Amino acid sequence: MNILRLISVIAVAMPLVAQAAPVSADDGRELCQAAAQDGALEVMVDNLMASGRFDYDMAPELLTLDCGGVTLIQSLINQAGAENLEFAVIDLGIDVNDPLVPVEAGALSVVQYLMQQAVLAPNPEARQFAMEYMQDFRSVDFNPNLQLVTLK
């Protein structure tokens, strides 16, 4: 095999090797349980990172985990889980403008999903929570990751 062909094979294979493994079913259940308790999601993710079972590349998957028929982000909105939502989005470095939350018509960004939930969430408290976080996540003062996104 000539060197150019070898380099092209390696270049194609590298992204496959570098991709994070999906969250296991057991870890997913534990993450969903942790999301139901203030501050517990961060502790659980830190433990999974320490054991090599979670990394920052998996952060978008975290928000879309199935937690008993709803996504983790929906669960956080429904229970107004501010501390856990801030951790999942800000501390894990989610780009709030990247489409990642699956809906029937495709995928919405975190901000778009919060905008949708400001109208559709199951109760007034959840709708208000979604509206507040939609605005907060778009503020550089609240979400310093926006500065990093603009530098891309």
N, C-alpha and C. Protein backbone atom coordinates (compact mmCIF):
# COMPACT_ATOMS: atom_id res chain seq x y z
N MET A 1 0.86 -1.16 0.00
CA MET A 1 0.00 0.00 0.00
C MET A 1 0.91 1.23 0.00
N ASN A 2 0.61 2.15 -0.92
CA ASN A 2 1.47 3.33 -0.96
C ASN A 2 1.14 4.28 0.19
N ILE A 3 2.02 5.18 0.45
CA ILE A 3 1.92 6.05 1.61
C ILE A 3 0.69 6.96 1.53
N LEU A 4 0.34 7.46 0.35
CA LEU A 4 -0.83 8.33 0.22
C LEU A 4 -2.12 7.58 0.55
N ARG A 5 -2.19 6.35 0.10
CA ARG A 5 -3.38 5.55 0.40
C ARG A 5 -3.48 5.27 1.90
N LEU A 6 -2.35 4.97 2.53
CA LEU A 6 -2.31 4.73 3.97
C LEU A 6 -2.75 5.97 4.73
N ILE A 7 -2.26 7.12 4.32
CA ILE A 7 -2.64 8.37 4.98
C ILE A 7 -4.13 8.62 4.82
N SER A 8 -4.68 8.36 3.65
CA SER A 8 -6.12 8.60 3.45
C SER A 8 -6.95 7.62 4.26
N VAL A 9 -6.51 6.38 4.41
CA VAL A 9 -7.23 5.41 5.24
C VAL A 9 -7.21 5.85 6.70
N ILE A 10 -6.07 6.31 7.16
CA ILE A 10 -5.95 6.78 8.55
C ILE A 10 -6.81 8.03 8.75
N ALA A 11 -6.80 8.93 7.79
CA ALA A 11 -7.59 10.16 7.91
C ALA A 11 -9.09 9.86 7.98
N VAL A 12 -9.54 8.86 7.24
CA VAL A 12 -10.95 8.48 7.29
C VAL A 12 -11.27 7.77 8.60
N ALA A 13 -10.36 6.97 9.11
CA ALA A 13 -10.61 6.20 10.33
C ALA A 13 -10.50 7.02 11.60
N MET A 14 -9.71 8.08 11.61
CA MET A 14 -9.49 8.86 12.82
C MET A 14 -10.78 9.39 13.44
N PRO A 15 -11.68 10.01 12.68
CA PRO A 15 -12.90 10.49 13.32
C PRO A 15 -13.71 9.36 13.96
N LEU A 16 -13.66 8.18 13.38
CA LEU A 16 -14.39 7.06 13.94
C LEU A 16 -13.80 6.64 15.28
N VAL A 17 -12.49 6.67 15.38
CA VAL A 17 -11.83 6.30 16.61
C VAL A 17 -12.03 7.38 17.67
N ALA A 18 -12.02 8.65 17.24
CA ALA A 18 -12.09 9.75 18.19
C ALA A 18 -13.50 9.98 18.74
N GLN A 19 -14.53 9.42 18.09
CA GLN A 19 -15.88 9.64 18.57
C GLN A 19 -16.08 9.00 19.93
N ALA A 20 -16.82 9.71 20.76
CA ALA A 20 -17.12 9.19 22.08
C ALA A 20 -18.12 8.05 21.96
N ALA A 21 -17.97 7.07 22.83
CA ALA A 21 -18.93 5.97 22.86
C ALA A 21 -20.24 6.52 23.39
N PRO A 22 -21.34 5.93 22.95
CA PRO A 22 -22.63 6.41 23.47
C PRO A 22 -22.77 6.09 24.96
N VAL A 23 -23.64 6.83 25.61
CA VAL A 23 -23.92 6.60 27.01
C VAL A 23 -24.58 5.23 27.14
N SER A 24 -24.09 4.40 28.04
CA SER A 24 -24.69 3.08 28.23
C SER A 24 -26.08 3.21 28.83
N ALA A 25 -26.89 2.18 28.70
CA ALA A 25 -28.24 2.19 29.25
C ALA A 25 -28.21 2.39 30.77
N ASP A 26 -27.30 1.70 31.45
CA ASP A 26 -27.20 1.85 32.91
C ASP A 26 -26.79 3.26 33.30
N ASP A 27 -25.79 3.80 32.60
CA ASP A 27 -25.36 5.17 32.89
C ASP A 27 -26.47 6.16 32.58
N GLY A 28 -27.21 5.91 31.50
CA GLY A 28 -28.32 6.77 31.13
C GLY A 28 -29.39 6.82 32.22
N ARG A 29 -29.72 5.68 32.78
CA ARG A 29 -30.71 5.63 33.87
C ARG A 29 -30.21 6.42 35.08
N GLU A 30 -28.94 6.23 35.41
CA GLU A 30 -28.37 6.96 36.55
C GLU A 30 -28.33 8.47 36.30
N LEU A 31 -28.02 8.87 35.06
CA LEU A 31 -28.01 10.29 34.72
C LEU A 31 -29.42 10.88 34.82
N CYS A 32 -30.41 10.15 34.37
CA CYS A 32 -31.80 10.62 34.46
C CYS A 32 -32.22 10.76 35.92
N GLN A 33 -31.84 9.80 36.75
CA GLN A 33 -32.16 9.89 38.17
C GLN A 33 -31.45 11.09 38.81
N ALA A 34 -30.20 11.29 38.44
CA ALA A 34 -29.43 12.42 38.98
C ALA A 34 -30.04 13.75 38.55
N ALA A 35 -30.58 13.81 37.35
CA ALA A 35 -31.17 15.05 36.84
C ALA A 35 -32.39 15.47 37.65
N ALA A 36 -32.98 14.55 38.37
CA ALA A 36 -34.17 14.85 39.18
C ALA A 36 -33.82 15.49 40.53
N GLN A 37 -32.52 15.59 40.83
CA GLN A 37 -32.09 16.14 42.12
C GLN A 37 -31.12 17.31 41.87
N ASP A 38 -31.39 18.44 42.50
CA ASP A 38 -30.52 19.61 42.32
C ASP A 38 -29.06 19.26 42.60
N GLY A 39 -28.20 19.58 41.65
CA GLY A 39 -26.77 19.40 41.82
C GLY A 39 -26.26 17.98 41.61
N ALA A 40 -27.15 17.02 41.56
CA ALA A 40 -26.71 15.63 41.45
C ALA A 40 -26.21 15.28 40.05
N LEU A 41 -26.68 15.99 39.04
CA LEU A 41 -26.24 15.68 37.67
C LEU A 41 -24.75 15.96 37.51
N GLU A 42 -24.28 17.05 38.07
CA GLU A 42 -22.86 17.38 37.98
C GLU A 42 -22.01 16.31 38.67
N VAL A 43 -22.43 15.87 39.83
CA VAL A 43 -21.68 14.84 40.57
C VAL A 43 -21.64 13.55 39.76
N MET A 44 -22.77 13.17 39.19
CA MET A 44 -22.83 11.94 38.41
C MET A 44 -21.95 12.03 37.17
N VAL A 45 -22.01 13.14 36.45
CA VAL A 45 -21.17 13.31 35.26
C VAL A 45 -19.70 13.31 35.65
N ASP A 46 -19.35 13.98 36.74
CA ASP A 46 -17.95 13.98 37.20
C ASP A 46 -17.48 12.56 37.50
N ASN A 47 -18.33 11.76 38.15
CA ASN A 47 -17.97 10.37 38.45
C ASN A 47 -17.79 9.56 37.17
N LEU A 48 -18.68 9.77 36.20
CA LEU A 48 -18.55 9.05 34.92
C LEU A 48 -17.30 9.49 34.16
N MET A 49 -16.97 10.77 34.23
CA MET A 49 -15.75 11.25 33.58
C MET A 49 -14.51 10.63 34.24
N ALA A 50 -14.52 10.59 35.56
CA ALA A 50 -13.37 10.03 36.28
C ALA A 50 -13.15 8.57 35.93
N SER A 51 -14.24 7.86 35.64
CA SER A 51 -14.11 6.44 35.29
C SER A 51 -13.98 6.22 33.79
N GLY A 52 -13.91 7.31 33.02
CA GLY A 52 -13.72 7.20 31.57
C GLY A 52 -14.98 6.83 30.80
N ARG A 53 -16.15 6.95 31.42
CA ARG A 53 -17.39 6.55 30.75
C ARG A 53 -18.16 7.74 30.19
N PHE A 54 -17.62 8.94 30.33
CA PHE A 54 -18.27 10.14 29.81
C PHE A 54 -17.19 11.16 29.51
N ASP A 55 -17.36 11.92 28.41
CA ASP A 55 -16.47 13.03 28.14
C ASP A 55 -17.27 14.17 27.52
N TYR A 56 -16.62 15.30 27.33
CA TYR A 56 -17.31 16.50 26.87
C TYR A 56 -17.98 16.31 25.51
N ASP A 57 -17.44 15.44 24.67
CA ASP A 57 -18.06 15.19 23.37
C ASP A 57 -19.44 14.56 23.49
N MET A 58 -19.74 14.00 24.64
CA MET A 58 -21.02 13.33 24.86
C MET A 58 -22.08 14.29 25.41
N ALA A 59 -21.72 15.54 25.66
CA ALA A 59 -22.65 16.49 26.27
C ALA A 59 -23.95 16.66 25.49
N PRO A 60 -23.90 16.80 24.16
CA PRO A 60 -25.18 16.91 23.45
C PRO A 60 -26.08 15.68 23.64
N GLU A 61 -25.47 14.51 23.69
CA GLU A 61 -26.24 13.28 23.91
C GLU A 61 -26.90 13.29 25.29
N LEU A 62 -26.25 13.90 26.26
CA LEU A 62 -26.80 13.97 27.61
C LEU A 62 -28.17 14.63 27.60
N LEU A 63 -28.29 15.75 26.92
CA LEU A 63 -29.57 16.47 26.90
C LEU A 63 -30.68 15.70 26.21
N THR A 64 -30.31 14.78 25.33
CA THR A 64 -31.33 14.05 24.57
C THR A 64 -31.55 12.63 25.07
N LEU A 65 -30.96 12.29 26.23
CA LEU A 65 -31.21 10.98 26.81
C LEU A 65 -32.70 10.76 27.04
N ASP A 66 -33.15 9.54 26.82
CA ASP A 66 -34.55 9.20 27.10
C ASP A 66 -34.68 8.91 28.60
N CYS A 67 -35.45 9.74 29.25
CA CYS A 67 -35.69 9.59 30.69
C CYS A 67 -37.17 9.28 30.90
N GLY A 68 -37.52 8.04 30.71
CA GLY A 68 -38.91 7.62 30.93
C GLY A 68 -39.89 8.21 29.93
N GLY A 69 -39.48 8.31 28.68
CA GLY A 69 -40.38 8.81 27.64
C GLY A 69 -40.22 10.28 27.31
N VAL A 70 -39.40 11.01 28.06
CA VAL A 70 -39.08 12.40 27.73
C VAL A 70 -37.57 12.56 27.72
N THR A 71 -37.10 13.53 26.98
CA THR A 71 -35.66 13.77 26.96
C THR A 71 -35.23 14.37 28.30
N LEU A 72 -33.96 14.27 28.59
CA LEU A 72 -33.44 14.83 29.83
C LEU A 72 -33.68 16.33 29.87
N ILE A 73 -33.51 17.02 28.75
CA ILE A 73 -33.76 18.47 28.75
C ILE A 73 -35.22 18.76 29.06
N GLN A 74 -36.13 17.95 28.53
CA GLN A 74 -37.55 18.16 28.82
C GLN A 74 -37.84 17.91 30.29
N SER A 75 -37.22 16.89 30.83
CA SER A 75 -37.38 16.60 32.26
C SER A 75 -36.90 17.77 33.11
N LEU A 76 -35.76 18.35 32.74
CA LEU A 76 -35.23 19.50 33.48
C LEU A 76 -36.16 20.70 33.37
N ILE A 77 -36.76 20.91 32.22
CA ILE A 77 -37.71 22.01 32.04
C ILE A 77 -38.96 21.76 32.88
N ASN A 78 -39.49 20.54 32.81
CA ASN A 78 -40.72 20.22 33.54
C ASN A 78 -40.58 20.42 35.04
N GLN A 79 -39.39 20.12 35.57
CA GLN A 79 -39.19 20.25 37.02
C GLN A 79 -38.45 21.53 37.39
N ALA A 80 -38.24 22.40 36.40
CA ALA A 80 -37.52 23.67 36.63
C ALA A 80 -36.18 23.41 37.31
N GLY A 81 -35.42 22.46 36.76
CA GLY A 81 -34.13 22.06 37.32
C GLY A 81 -33.01 22.99 36.88
N ALA A 82 -33.00 24.19 37.45
CA ALA A 82 -32.07 25.24 37.03
C ALA A 82 -30.61 24.83 37.17
N GLU A 83 -30.23 24.35 38.32
CA GLU A 83 -28.82 24.02 38.57
C GLU A 83 -28.33 22.95 37.59
N ASN A 84 -29.13 21.92 37.38
CA ASN A 84 -28.73 20.85 36.48
C ASN A 84 -28.73 21.30 35.02
N LEU A 85 -29.70 22.13 34.63
CA LEU A 85 -29.73 22.63 33.25
C LEU A 85 -28.52 23.53 32.98
N GLU A 86 -28.21 24.40 33.91
CA GLU A 86 -27.03 25.26 33.75
C GLU A 86 -25.77 24.43 33.63
N PHE A 87 -25.65 23.40 34.46
CA PHE A 87 -24.48 22.53 34.38
C PHE A 87 -24.41 21.86 33.00
N ALA A 88 -25.51 21.25 32.57
CA ALA A 88 -25.52 20.50 31.31
C ALA A 88 -25.22 21.39 30.11
N VAL A 89 -25.67 22.61 30.14
CA VAL A 89 -25.47 23.50 28.99
C VAL A 89 -24.19 24.30 29.11
N ILE A 90 -24.02 25.01 30.21
CA ILE A 90 -22.88 25.93 30.33
C ILE A 90 -21.59 25.18 30.68
N ASP A 91 -21.63 24.42 31.76
CA ASP A 91 -20.39 23.76 32.22
C ASP A 91 -19.88 22.71 31.24
N LEU A 92 -20.79 22.05 30.55
CA LEU A 92 -20.36 21.05 29.57
C LEU A 92 -20.13 21.63 28.18
N GLY A 93 -20.34 22.93 28.05
CA GLY A 93 -19.97 23.63 26.82
C GLY A 93 -20.86 23.39 25.63
N ILE A 94 -22.16 23.23 25.84
CA ILE A 94 -23.09 23.04 24.73
C ILE A 94 -23.21 24.34 23.94
N ASP A 95 -23.15 24.24 22.64
CA ASP A 95 -23.43 25.39 21.77
C ASP A 95 -24.95 25.50 21.69
N VAL A 96 -25.53 26.52 22.30
CA VAL A 96 -26.98 26.64 22.38
C VAL A 96 -27.63 26.93 21.04
N ASN A 97 -26.82 27.14 20.00
CA ASN A 97 -27.35 27.41 18.67
C ASN A 97 -27.23 26.22 17.72
N ASP A 98 -26.57 25.15 18.14
CA ASP A 98 -26.45 23.94 17.31
C ASP A 98 -27.70 23.10 17.43
N PRO A 99 -28.26 22.68 16.30
CA PRO A 99 -29.42 21.78 16.37
C PRO A 99 -29.02 20.45 17.01
N LEU A 100 -29.74 20.06 18.08
CA LEU A 100 -29.41 18.79 18.72
C LEU A 100 -30.60 18.11 19.37
N VAL A 101 -31.69 18.83 19.66
CA VAL A 101 -32.83 18.22 20.32
C VAL A 101 -33.80 17.73 19.25
N PRO A 102 -33.99 16.41 19.18
CA PRO A 102 -34.85 15.88 18.12
C PRO A 102 -36.32 16.22 18.33
N VAL A 103 -36.95 16.63 17.25
CA VAL A 103 -38.40 16.86 17.21
C VAL A 103 -38.89 16.25 15.90
N GLU A 104 -40.19 16.19 15.71
CA GLU A 104 -40.74 15.56 14.51
C GLU A 104 -40.16 16.13 13.22
N ALA A 105 -39.96 17.42 13.17
CA ALA A 105 -39.52 18.07 11.93
C ALA A 105 -38.00 18.10 11.78
N GLY A 106 -37.25 17.52 12.68
CA GLY A 106 -35.80 17.53 12.59
C GLY A 106 -35.16 17.70 13.95
N ALA A 107 -34.36 18.75 14.09
CA ALA A 107 -33.70 19.00 15.37
C ALA A 107 -33.71 20.50 15.66
N LEU A 108 -33.92 20.82 16.92
CA LEU A 108 -33.90 22.21 17.37
C LEU A 108 -32.66 22.45 18.21
N SER A 109 -32.21 23.70 18.19
CA SER A 109 -31.13 24.07 19.11
C SER A 109 -31.72 24.17 20.51
N VAL A 110 -30.87 24.27 21.51
CA VAL A 110 -31.33 24.43 22.88
C VAL A 110 -32.22 25.67 23.00
N VAL A 111 -31.79 26.78 22.40
CA VAL A 111 -32.57 28.01 22.47
C VAL A 111 -33.92 27.84 21.77
N GLN A 112 -33.93 27.22 20.60
CA GLN A 112 -35.19 26.99 19.88
C GLN A 112 -36.11 26.07 20.68
N TYR A 113 -35.53 25.05 21.29
CA TYR A 113 -36.33 24.12 22.08
C TYR A 113 -36.94 24.82 23.29
N LEU A 114 -36.16 25.65 23.95
CA LEU A 114 -36.68 26.41 25.09
C LEU A 114 -37.78 27.37 24.64
N MET A 115 -37.61 27.96 23.46
CA MET A 115 -38.64 28.85 22.92
C MET A 115 -39.93 28.06 22.70
N GLN A 116 -39.80 26.88 22.14
CA GLN A 116 -40.97 26.02 21.91
C GLN A 116 -41.63 25.66 23.24
N GLN A 117 -40.82 25.31 24.23
CA GLN A 117 -41.36 24.89 25.52
C GLN A 117 -41.94 26.07 26.31
N ALA A 118 -41.54 27.28 25.99
CA ALA A 118 -42.13 28.45 26.62
C ALA A 118 -43.62 28.55 26.28
N VAL A 119 -44.02 27.86 25.22
CA VAL A 119 -45.42 27.82 24.80
C VAL A 119 -46.06 26.47 25.13
N LEU A 120 -45.31 25.38 24.96
CA LEU A 120 -45.89 24.04 25.02
C LEU A 120 -45.65 23.25 26.30
N ALA A 121 -44.80 23.71 27.18
CA ALA A 121 -44.51 22.96 28.41
C ALA A 121 -45.81 22.67 29.17
N PRO A 122 -45.83 21.60 29.95
CA PRO A 122 -47.08 21.12 30.54
C PRO A 122 -47.70 21.98 31.64
N ASN A 123 -46.95 22.95 32.19
CA ASN A 123 -47.53 23.78 33.25
C ASN A 123 -46.94 25.18 33.18
N PRO A 124 -47.61 26.15 33.80
CA PRO A 124 -47.13 27.53 33.73
C PRO A 124 -45.71 27.73 34.28
N GLU A 125 -45.36 27.00 35.33
CA GLU A 125 -44.02 27.14 35.91
C GLU A 125 -42.95 26.69 34.92
N ALA A 126 -43.20 25.58 34.25
CA ALA A 126 -42.25 25.07 33.26
C ALA A 126 -42.16 26.02 32.06
N ARG A 127 -43.28 26.58 31.64
CA ARG A 127 -43.26 27.54 30.52
C ARG A 127 -42.45 28.78 30.89
N GLN A 128 -42.64 29.27 32.11
CA GLN A 128 -41.89 30.45 32.58
C GLN A 128 -40.40 30.12 32.68
N PHE A 129 -40.09 28.95 33.21
CA PHE A 129 -38.70 28.50 33.33
C PHE A 129 -38.05 28.46 31.95
N ALA A 130 -38.74 27.88 30.97
CA ALA A 130 -38.19 27.78 29.61
C ALA A 130 -37.96 29.17 29.03
N MET A 131 -38.89 30.08 29.25
CA MET A 131 -38.76 31.45 28.73
C MET A 131 -37.54 32.14 29.35
N GLU A 132 -37.37 32.01 30.65
CA GLU A 132 -36.24 32.65 31.33
C GLU A 132 -34.91 32.10 30.83
N TYR A 133 -34.81 30.77 30.70
CA TYR A 133 -33.55 30.18 30.28
C TYR A 133 -33.28 30.40 28.80
N MET A 134 -34.32 30.53 27.99
CA MET A 134 -34.12 30.86 26.59
C MET A 134 -33.41 32.22 26.52
N GLN A 135 -33.84 33.16 27.33
CA GLN A 135 -33.22 34.48 27.34
C GLN A 135 -31.82 34.43 27.98
N ASP A 136 -31.69 33.71 29.10
CA ASP A 136 -30.41 33.64 29.80
C ASP A 136 -29.32 33.01 28.93
N PHE A 137 -29.65 31.91 28.26
CA PHE A 137 -28.63 31.21 27.47
C PHE A 137 -28.19 32.02 26.26
N ARG A 138 -28.95 33.03 25.88
CA ARG A 138 -28.56 33.90 24.76
C ARG A 138 -27.80 35.12 25.24
N SER A 139 -27.58 35.25 26.55
CA SER A 139 -26.87 36.39 27.13
C SER A 139 -25.41 36.01 27.41
N VAL A 140 -24.49 36.80 26.87
CA VAL A 140 -23.06 36.55 27.10
C VAL A 140 -22.72 36.70 28.58
N ASP A 141 -23.42 37.58 29.27
CA ASP A 141 -23.17 37.76 30.70
C ASP A 141 -23.52 36.51 31.50
N PHE A 142 -24.55 35.79 31.07
CA PHE A 142 -24.98 34.58 31.76
C PHE A 142 -24.27 33.34 31.22
N ASN A 143 -24.10 33.28 29.91
CA ASN A 143 -23.54 32.11 29.24
C ASN A 143 -22.23 32.48 28.55
N PRO A 144 -21.11 32.35 29.24
CA PRO A 144 -19.83 32.75 28.65
C PRO A 144 -19.43 31.91 27.44
N ASN A 145 -20.06 30.77 27.23
CA ASN A 145 -19.74 29.95 26.06
C ASN A 145 -20.07 30.68 24.76
N LEU A 146 -20.96 31.64 24.80
CA LEU A 146 -21.30 32.39 23.59
C LEU A 146 -20.09 33.11 23.04
N GLN A 147 -19.18 33.53 23.90
CA GLN A 147 -17.97 34.18 23.44
C GLN A 147 -17.11 33.21 22.65
N LEU A 148 -17.06 31.97 23.09
CA LEU A 148 -16.27 30.94 22.40
C LEU A 148 -16.89 30.59 21.07
N VAL A 149 -18.19 30.54 21.01
CA VAL A 149 -18.89 30.19 19.78
C VAL A 149 -18.61 31.22 18.70
N THR A 150 -18.59 32.49 19.07
CA THR A 150 -18.35 33.54 18.08
C THR A 150 -16.93 33.52 17.57
N LEU A 151 -16.01 32.89 18.28
CA LEU A 151 -14.62 32.82 17.85
C LEU A 151 -14.36 31.68 16.87
N LYS A 152 -15.33 30.80 16.68
CA LYS A 152 -15.14 29.66 15.77
C LYS A 152 -14.96 30.11 14.34
